[in-house]
Amino acid sequence: MLIFKKVFVCAVVTCLLFSCTKKHDGSTVSPYVNAPSTFNFTDANYKQQTVVLSLIDSLLDDLQIVGEPGATSFSASQLSSIYDNTGDLYSTIYPDVSLSGLVNSNGVFFSDTQIRNYFDTIGVLSSNSTYLGTPSANTLDSGLYLPEYYEKCFMGSLIYNQANQLFTQLPSADNTTINSAYGTTQMVHIWDQLFGYMGMPVDYPTWSYAQFNAGTNLTSGNPTITQTDFLFGEYIGHSTFEYTVFTSKPTNYIQSIFNAFIVGRMAIKNNDYTTRDAQLAIIKGIWEDIIASQAISYATNCIANIQTPPADANILKGRWSEMTGFIHMFQYNPNNKLGTVNINLLYSYVGTEPSKATVSSLNNLIALLKNTYGF
């Protein structure tokens, strides 16, 4: 997997705005004929989301490090201190934010209890000199590779879960009163929070594949947070630049979703809720497509590993864990296209551990996702 680190810019968002925008299916919606060629998000405030993404990144870094050469062990309490943000990290940007306070504690596959239990497991494994500094320090006996699993599950149980709550709150939010806490109406602020959770660099539409592949750092913006994975923003890049699982849909998801955020925000400020809703539908659709496409790509990677003897057990564990984490994400969208029956089918195809994954079941998983999402 490409690990892509960049500086996350929190405040100023400037990018191209086209006179009309495309829906996810390629059709045109409500053009702003007199819209300016550029549009500044100078009043955008998504600092809380910036801190959330940075806390996740800090935790993932520690989970990764225990399995690398020269590592030092981490106790469960050290990991929990980041999860609970007991030191109020990044308080100069936005204070009193914690992952534990936002994560969906009732998740079927990734609850607060499970998160803390895995912290205990890593604490025990990493304290064993035989395991420390090797993949065994952060891999369960079942083969679940915890750094990748944690990343994907936080993307689902926190980011995607929060986003789906904001989707619900948006239509009835106040769009008249300017709230002094964040400088915009509540409706605009909810829209900005969604943008923050998406985790996209503010000039993402201008990026080339070379920049994405190299992990180019941004240096503009005030304040900045260094070295953060963009999480969903990264996978929007993967789906735009690298993966070719799509057959009937446009693949420039970076441009499409970025335009939707810009046009939708402008529509809210103009009290044009028809256009707002059209852009929100684009954002929802792309977000779900990204999840499905990544599950397909990692299932494909698992198949390639199984079919190329001798299979690399550690690579298979990592790819299977990522695939499983993406499948988990669907549960946090109550309006997902799959439905309960198909989600249960996906779990039957995933299997209980990587060593039991079969080419046949993974092909069934891929076929179901492609058929549902029109890839």
Protein backbone atom coordinates (compact mmCIF):
# COMPACT_ATOMS: atom_id res chain seq x y z
CA MET A 1 0.00 0.00 0.00
CA LEU A 2 1.17 3.49 -0.81
CA ILE A 3 1.61 5.40 2.44
CA PHE A 4 1.01 8.99 1.63
CA LYS A 5 2.00 11.71 4.08
CA LYS A 6 1.39 15.39 3.58
CA VAL A 7 0.91 18.57 5.55
CA PHE A 8 -2.75 19.16 6.31
CA VAL A 9 -3.88 22.74 5.78
CA CYS A 10 -6.64 23.87 8.07
CA ALA A 11 -7.84 27.34 7.15
CA VAL A 12 -7.77 28.77 3.64
CA VAL A 13 -9.41 26.82 0.84
CA THR A 14 -9.02 28.13 -2.70
CA CYS A 15 -9.67 26.22 -5.87
CA LEU A 16 -11.23 26.37 -9.34
CA LEU A 17 -14.99 26.68 -9.64
CA PHE A 18 -16.51 25.78 -12.99
CA SER A 19 -19.56 27.63 -14.31
CA CYS A 20 -21.43 24.36 -14.15
CA THR A 21 -20.77 21.09 -12.42
CA LYS A 22 -21.37 17.44 -13.30
CA LYS A 23 -23.43 15.05 -11.28
CA HIS A 24 -21.88 11.72 -10.40
CA ASP A 25 -23.70 10.12 -13.32
CA GLY A 26 -22.30 12.68 -15.74
CA SER A 27 -25.35 14.93 -16.13
CA THR A 28 -25.35 18.68 -15.51
CA VAL A 29 -27.04 20.33 -12.55
CA SER A 30 -28.03 23.93 -11.79
CA PRO A 31 -25.16 25.92 -13.30
CA TYR A 32 -24.05 29.14 -11.65
CA VAL A 33 -23.68 31.09 -14.85
CA ASN A 34 -22.39 34.19 -13.06
CA ALA A 35 -20.24 32.38 -10.54
CA PRO A 36 -16.72 33.71 -10.06
CA SER A 37 -13.90 31.68 -11.57
CA THR A 38 -12.49 31.11 -8.09
CA PHE A 39 -14.18 30.84 -4.74
CA ASN A 40 -12.54 31.37 -1.36
CA PHE A 41 -13.51 29.39 1.70
CA THR A 42 -11.99 32.19 3.75
CA ASP A 43 -14.58 31.72 6.50
CA ALA A 44 -14.46 27.92 6.54
CA ASN A 45 -13.92 26.37 9.95
CA TYR A 46 -13.20 22.66 10.15
CA LYS A 47 -10.48 22.80 12.79
CA GLN A 48 -12.12 20.10 14.90
CA GLN A 49 -11.98 17.70 11.97
CA THR A 50 -8.33 18.59 11.36
CA VAL A 51 -7.51 17.62 14.93
CA VAL A 52 -9.54 14.39 14.67
CA LEU A 53 -7.59 13.30 11.59
CA SER A 54 -4.31 14.21 13.26
CA LEU A 55 -5.14 12.24 16.40
CA ILE A 56 -5.99 9.20 14.28
CA ASP A 57 -2.70 9.62 12.45
CA SER A 58 -0.73 9.91 15.71
CA LEU A 59 -2.31 6.72 17.01
CA LEU A 60 -1.71 4.84 13.74
CA ASP A 61 1.94 5.88 13.74
CA ASP A 62 2.43 4.31 17.17
CA LEU A 63 0.58 1.15 16.17
CA GLN A 64 2.80 0.85 13.12
CA ILE A 65 6.08 1.55 14.91
CA VAL A 66 5.91 -1.39 17.33
CA GLY A 67 6.27 -3.76 14.37
CA GLU A 68 9.27 -2.01 12.84
CA PRO A 69 12.97 -2.70 13.53
CA GLY A 70 14.37 -0.78 16.49
CA ALA A 71 10.91 -0.22 17.99
CA THR A 72 10.19 0.41 21.64
CA SER A 73 7.09 -1.06 23.24
CA PHE A 74 3.87 0.84 23.86
CA SER A 75 1.62 0.20 26.80
CA ALA A 76 -2.14 0.14 26.54
CA SER A 77 -2.27 3.30 28.65
CA GLN A 78 0.02 5.15 26.22
CA LEU A 79 -2.24 4.25 23.32
CA SER A 80 -5.36 5.10 25.30
CA SER A 81 -3.93 8.52 26.15
CA ILE A 82 -3.93 9.38 22.44
CA TYR A 83 -7.34 7.83 21.89
CA ASP A 84 -8.75 9.81 24.83
CA ASN A 85 -6.51 12.81 24.04
CA THR A 86 -5.68 13.21 27.70
CA GLY A 87 -2.84 15.62 26.86
CA ASP A 88 -5.14 17.74 24.68
CA LEU A 89 -2.84 17.44 21.67
CA TYR A 90 -3.29 20.17 19.02
CA SER A 91 -5.19 22.30 21.54
CA THR A 92 -3.89 25.47 19.90
CA ILE A 93 -5.93 24.53 16.84
CA TYR A 94 -9.06 23.13 18.50
CA PRO A 95 -9.20 22.08 22.18
CA ASP A 96 -10.97 19.26 23.98
CA VAL A 97 -11.40 16.81 21.12
CA SER A 98 -11.04 13.05 21.61
CA LEU A 99 -11.44 10.04 19.40
CA SER A 100 -13.17 8.13 22.19
CA GLY A 101 -15.77 10.90 22.48
CA LEU A 102 -16.69 10.69 18.80
CA VAL A 103 -16.29 7.05 17.82
CA ASN A 104 -19.43 4.97 17.46
CA SER A 105 -19.24 2.84 20.58
CA ASN A 106 -22.08 0.60 19.44
CA GLY A 107 -20.42 -0.61 16.26
CA VAL A 108 -20.89 -4.28 15.61
CA PHE A 109 -17.26 -4.78 14.59
CA PHE A 110 -15.37 -1.83 16.06
CA SER A 111 -16.69 -0.63 19.39
CA ASP A 112 -14.96 1.35 22.12
CA THR A 113 -14.54 -1.87 24.10
CA GLN A 114 -12.88 -3.64 21.18
CA ILE A 115 -10.56 -0.68 20.57
CA ARG A 116 -9.34 -0.79 24.14
CA ASN A 117 -9.04 -4.58 24.15
CA TYR A 118 -6.76 -4.39 21.11
CA PHE A 119 -4.69 -1.76 22.92
CA ASP A 120 -4.22 -4.30 25.72
CA THR A 121 -3.19 -6.92 23.16
CA ILE A 122 -0.60 -4.66 21.54
CA GLY A 123 0.74 -3.73 24.96
CA VAL A 124 1.30 -7.41 25.75
CA LEU A 125 2.74 -8.30 22.35
CA SER A 126 5.09 -5.33 22.15
CA SER A 127 6.44 -5.99 25.64
CA ASN A 128 7.71 -9.37 24.41
CA SER A 129 11.24 -8.99 23.02
CA THR A 130 10.60 -11.87 20.63
CA TYR A 131 7.79 -9.96 18.95
CA LEU A 132 8.89 -6.33 19.35
CA GLY A 133 10.14 -4.84 16.09
CA THR A 134 8.51 -7.56 13.97
CA PRO A 135 5.02 -7.86 12.39
CA SER A 136 4.08 -10.18 15.25
CA ALA A 137 4.03 -7.20 17.62
CA ASN A 138 0.88 -5.81 16.04
CA THR A 139 -0.74 -8.85 14.40
CA LEU A 140 -3.29 -11.08 16.13
CA ASP A 141 -3.03 -14.89 16.05
CA SER A 142 -5.97 -14.86 13.63
CA GLY A 143 -3.85 -12.87 11.19
CA LEU A 144 -5.63 -9.54 11.68
CA TYR A 145 -3.03 -6.82 11.10
CA LEU A 146 -4.02 -4.14 13.59
CA PRO A 147 -2.46 -0.94 12.11
CA GLU A 148 -4.38 -1.32 8.87
CA TYR A 149 -7.51 -2.61 10.58
CA TYR A 150 -7.51 0.30 13.05
CA GLU A 151 -7.08 2.82 10.24
CA LYS A 152 -10.02 1.52 8.23
CA CYS A 153 -12.24 1.05 11.27
CA PHE A 154 -11.60 4.59 12.51
CA MET A 155 -12.43 5.79 9.01
CA GLY A 156 -15.76 3.98 9.37
CA SER A 157 -16.74 4.17 13.04
CA LEU A 158 -15.65 7.77 13.47
CA ILE A 159 -15.25 9.69 10.21
CA TYR A 160 -17.93 8.02 8.06
CA ASN A 161 -20.27 7.64 11.02
CA GLN A 162 -19.92 11.33 11.86
CA ALA A 163 -20.41 12.27 8.21
CA ASN A 164 -23.66 10.31 8.01
CA GLN A 165 -24.91 12.11 11.10
CA LEU A 166 -24.07 15.44 9.46
CA PHE A 167 -25.86 14.36 6.27
CA THR A 168 -29.02 13.97 8.37
CA GLN A 169 -28.60 17.27 10.24
CA LEU A 170 -27.90 19.43 7.20
CA PRO A 171 -31.41 19.94 5.70
CA SER A 172 -32.95 21.33 8.90
CA ALA A 173 -29.92 23.34 10.05
CA ASP A 174 -30.23 27.11 10.56
CA ASN A 175 -29.03 29.13 7.59
CA THR A 176 -29.91 32.60 8.83
CA THR A 177 -27.97 33.35 12.01
CA ILE A 178 -24.19 33.76 11.98
CA ASN A 179 -22.79 31.79 14.90
CA SER A 180 -19.87 33.61 16.52
CA ALA A 181 -18.23 30.31 17.50
CA TYR A 182 -17.44 29.45 13.90
CA GLY A 183 -18.27 32.58 11.89
CA THR A 184 -20.93 31.11 9.58
CA THR A 185 -24.46 29.80 9.77
CA GLN A 186 -24.96 26.35 11.21
CA MET A 187 -25.76 24.93 7.78
CA VAL A 188 -22.56 26.27 6.22
CA HIS A 189 -20.57 25.00 9.20
CA ILE A 190 -21.99 21.49 8.83
CA TRP A 191 -20.98 21.58 5.17
CA ASP A 192 -17.46 22.68 6.16
CA GLN A 193 -17.24 19.88 8.72
CA LEU A 194 -18.06 17.36 5.99
CA PHE A 195 -15.25 18.79 3.91
CA GLY A 196 -12.90 18.51 6.89
CA TYR A 197 -13.76 14.87 7.48
CA MET A 198 -13.09 14.10 3.81
CA GLY A 199 -9.47 15.07 4.45
CA MET A 200 -8.53 16.57 1.11
CA PRO A 201 -5.60 18.94 0.55
CA VAL A 202 -6.97 22.36 -0.28
CA ASP A 203 -5.45 22.37 -3.77
CA TYR A 204 -6.08 18.68 -4.48
CA PRO A 205 -7.70 19.21 -7.91
CA THR A 206 -4.41 20.64 -9.20
CA TRP A 207 -2.34 17.64 -8.14
CA SER A 208 -0.68 15.40 -10.68
CA TYR A 209 -0.16 11.69 -10.16
CA ALA A 210 3.54 12.37 -9.59
CA GLN A 211 2.68 14.65 -6.69
CA PHE A 212 0.27 12.15 -5.21
CA ASN A 213 2.70 9.26 -5.62
CA ALA A 214 5.57 11.20 -4.07
CA GLY A 215 3.52 12.44 -1.15
CA THR A 216 4.30 16.07 -1.91
CA ASN A 217 4.07 18.33 1.13
CA LEU A 218 1.99 21.47 1.13
CA THR A 219 3.57 24.42 2.85
CA SER A 220 0.88 27.09 2.64
CA GLY A 221 -1.90 27.74 5.10
CA ASN A 222 -2.04 28.84 8.70
CA PRO A 223 -2.12 26.93 10.93
CA THR A 224 -0.72 23.72 9.54
CA ILE A 225 -0.37 20.25 11.00
CA THR A 226 2.57 18.24 9.81
CA GLN A 227 2.63 14.61 8.73
CA THR A 228 -0.96 13.51 8.56
CA ASP A 229 -2.47 10.77 6.47
CA PHE A 230 -5.50 12.16 4.72
CA LEU A 231 -7.40 8.91 5.25
CA PHE A 232 -10.42 9.20 2.94
CA GLY A 233 -8.63 11.89 0.96
CA GLU A 234 -5.84 9.43 0.27
CA TYR A 235 -8.23 6.81 -1.06
CA ILE A 236 -9.99 9.35 -3.27
CA GLY A 237 -6.53 9.81 -4.78
CA HIS A 238 -6.00 6.07 -5.17
CA SER A 239 -9.34 5.67 -6.92
CA THR A 240 -8.66 8.67 -9.17
CA PHE A 241 -5.08 7.90 -10.15
CA GLU A 242 -4.43 4.19 -9.72
CA TYR A 243 -7.37 1.84 -9.73
CA THR A 244 -9.14 0.75 -12.89
CA VAL A 245 -12.06 -1.21 -11.47
CA PHE A 246 -14.56 1.23 -12.96
CA THR A 247 -16.13 0.53 -16.32
CA SER A 248 -19.08 2.89 -16.61
CA LYS A 249 -18.25 5.75 -14.25
CA PRO A 250 -15.83 8.66 -14.45
CA THR A 251 -12.79 8.12 -12.26
CA ASN A 252 -11.72 11.70 -11.54
CA TYR A 253 -13.24 11.58 -8.11
CA ILE A 254 -10.94 14.30 -6.75
CA GLN A 255 -12.29 16.90 -9.15
CA SER A 256 -15.89 15.68 -8.94
CA ILE A 257 -16.20 15.68 -5.17
CA PHE A 258 -14.19 18.89 -4.78
CA ASN A 259 -16.49 20.69 -7.21
CA ALA A 260 -19.51 19.35 -5.36
CA PHE A 261 -18.25 20.77 -2.07
CA ILE A 262 -17.62 24.17 -3.64
CA VAL A 263 -20.85 24.48 -5.62
CA GLY A 264 -22.90 23.14 -2.70
CA ARG A 265 -21.39 25.63 -0.28
CA MET A 266 -22.10 28.49 -2.65
CA ALA A 267 -25.66 27.22 -3.11
CA ILE A 268 -26.21 27.24 0.67
CA LYS A 269 -25.05 30.84 0.84
CA ASN A 270 -27.53 31.67 -1.94
CA ASN A 271 -30.34 29.73 -0.23
CA ASP A 272 -30.49 27.43 -3.25
CA TYR A 273 -31.34 24.16 -1.57
CA THR A 274 -32.16 22.31 -4.77
CA THR A 275 -28.56 22.68 -5.91
CA ARG A 276 -27.30 22.00 -2.39
CA ASP A 277 -29.16 18.69 -2.34
CA ALA A 278 -27.88 17.74 -5.79
CA GLN A 279 -24.29 18.36 -4.70
CA LEU A 280 -24.85 16.50 -1.44
CA ALA A 281 -26.07 13.50 -3.44
CA ILE A 282 -22.84 13.62 -5.46
CA ILE A 283 -20.75 13.68 -2.27
CA LYS A 284 -22.68 10.80 -0.70
CA GLY A 285 -22.47 8.74 -3.87
CA ILE A 286 -18.74 9.23 -4.37
CA TRP A 287 -18.01 8.55 -0.70
CA GLU A 288 -19.80 5.22 -0.86
CA ASP A 289 -18.19 4.41 -4.22
CA ILE A 290 -14.73 5.01 -2.74
CA ILE A 291 -15.44 2.52 0.05
CA ALA A 292 -16.71 -0.09 -2.39
CA SER A 293 -13.83 0.43 -4.83
CA GLN A 294 -11.23 0.01 -2.11
CA ALA A 295 -12.83 -3.20 -0.87
CA ILE A 296 -12.64 -4.47 -4.46
CA SER A 297 -9.02 -3.42 -4.88
CA TYR A 298 -7.89 -5.12 -1.67
CA ALA A 299 -9.86 -8.27 -2.48
CA THR A 300 -8.08 -8.27 -5.86
CA ASN A 301 -4.75 -7.91 -4.07
CA CYS A 302 -5.59 -10.85 -1.81
CA ILE A 303 -6.40 -13.01 -4.83
CA ALA A 304 -3.13 -12.07 -6.52
CA ASN A 305 -1.23 -12.98 -3.37
CA ILE A 306 -2.97 -16.34 -2.99
CA GLN A 307 -2.39 -17.20 -6.63
CA THR A 308 1.32 -16.31 -6.60
CA PRO A 309 3.08 -19.06 -4.65
CA PRO A 310 4.66 -18.94 -2.27
CA ALA A 311 2.10 -16.52 -0.87
CA ASP A 312 3.53 -13.80 1.38
CA ALA A 313 1.61 -14.33 4.62
CA ASN A 314 2.31 -10.84 5.98
CA ILE A 315 1.16 -9.11 2.79
CA LEU A 316 -1.97 -11.25 2.72
CA LYS A 317 -2.72 -10.38 6.36
CA GLY A 318 -2.35 -6.67 5.65
CA ARG A 319 -4.49 -6.66 2.50
CA TRP A 320 -7.16 -8.87 4.05
CA SER A 321 -7.30 -6.61 7.12
CA GLU A 322 -7.74 -3.53 4.92
CA MET A 323 -10.43 -5.20 2.86
CA THR A 324 -12.29 -6.26 6.00
CA GLY A 325 -12.05 -2.74 7.44
CA PHE A 326 -13.59 -1.25 4.31
CA ILE A 327 -16.42 -3.80 4.39
CA HIS A 328 -17.11 -2.75 7.98
CA MET A 329 -17.69 0.84 6.84
CA PHE A 330 -20.99 0.08 5.15
CA GLN A 331 -22.68 -0.50 8.52
CA TYR A 332 -22.29 3.20 9.38
CA ASN A 333 -24.37 4.34 6.39
CA PRO A 334 -28.02 3.54 7.13
CA ASN A 335 -28.87 4.24 3.48
CA ASN A 336 -26.13 2.14 1.88
CA LYS A 337 -26.94 0.59 -1.49
CA LEU A 338 -26.16 -2.96 -0.36
CA GLY A 339 -28.78 -3.60 2.30
CA THR A 340 -28.50 -6.03 5.20
CA VAL A 341 -28.77 -9.23 3.14
CA ASN A 342 -25.91 -8.29 0.81
CA ILE A 343 -23.72 -7.00 3.64
CA ASN A 344 -24.11 -10.35 5.38
CA LEU A 345 -23.19 -12.04 2.10
CA LEU A 346 -20.04 -9.92 1.94
CA TYR A 347 -19.06 -11.08 5.42
CA SER A 348 -19.55 -14.68 4.42
CA TYR A 349 -17.20 -14.07 1.49
CA VAL A 350 -14.62 -12.27 3.66
CA GLY A 351 -14.24 -15.19 6.04
CA THR A 352 -12.99 -15.16 9.60
CA GLU A 353 -9.25 -14.81 8.92
CA PRO A 354 -6.87 -14.28 5.99
CA SER A 355 -5.59 -17.85 5.89
CA LYS A 356 -9.13 -19.06 5.16
CA ALA A 357 -9.79 -16.62 2.32
CA THR A 358 -10.38 -18.35 -1.00
CA VAL A 359 -10.16 -17.12 -4.56
CA SER A 360 -13.74 -18.24 -5.19
CA SER A 361 -15.22 -16.35 -2.22
CA LEU A 362 -13.22 -13.21 -2.95
CA ASN A 363 -14.37 -13.27 -6.57
CA ASN A 364 -17.94 -13.50 -5.29
CA LEU A 365 -17.29 -10.46 -3.08
CA ILE A 366 -15.92 -8.50 -6.03
CA ALA A 367 -18.83 -9.48 -8.27
CA LEU A 368 -21.41 -8.42 -5.67
CA LEU A 369 -19.80 -5.00 -5.17
CA LYS A 370 -19.33 -4.37 -8.87
CA ASN A 371 -22.94 -5.30 -9.60
CA THR A 372 -24.28 -3.11 -6.76
CA TYR A 373 -22.20 -0.05 -7.55
CA GLY A 374 -22.16 -0.31 -11.32
CA PHE A 375 -18.40 -0.62 -11.73
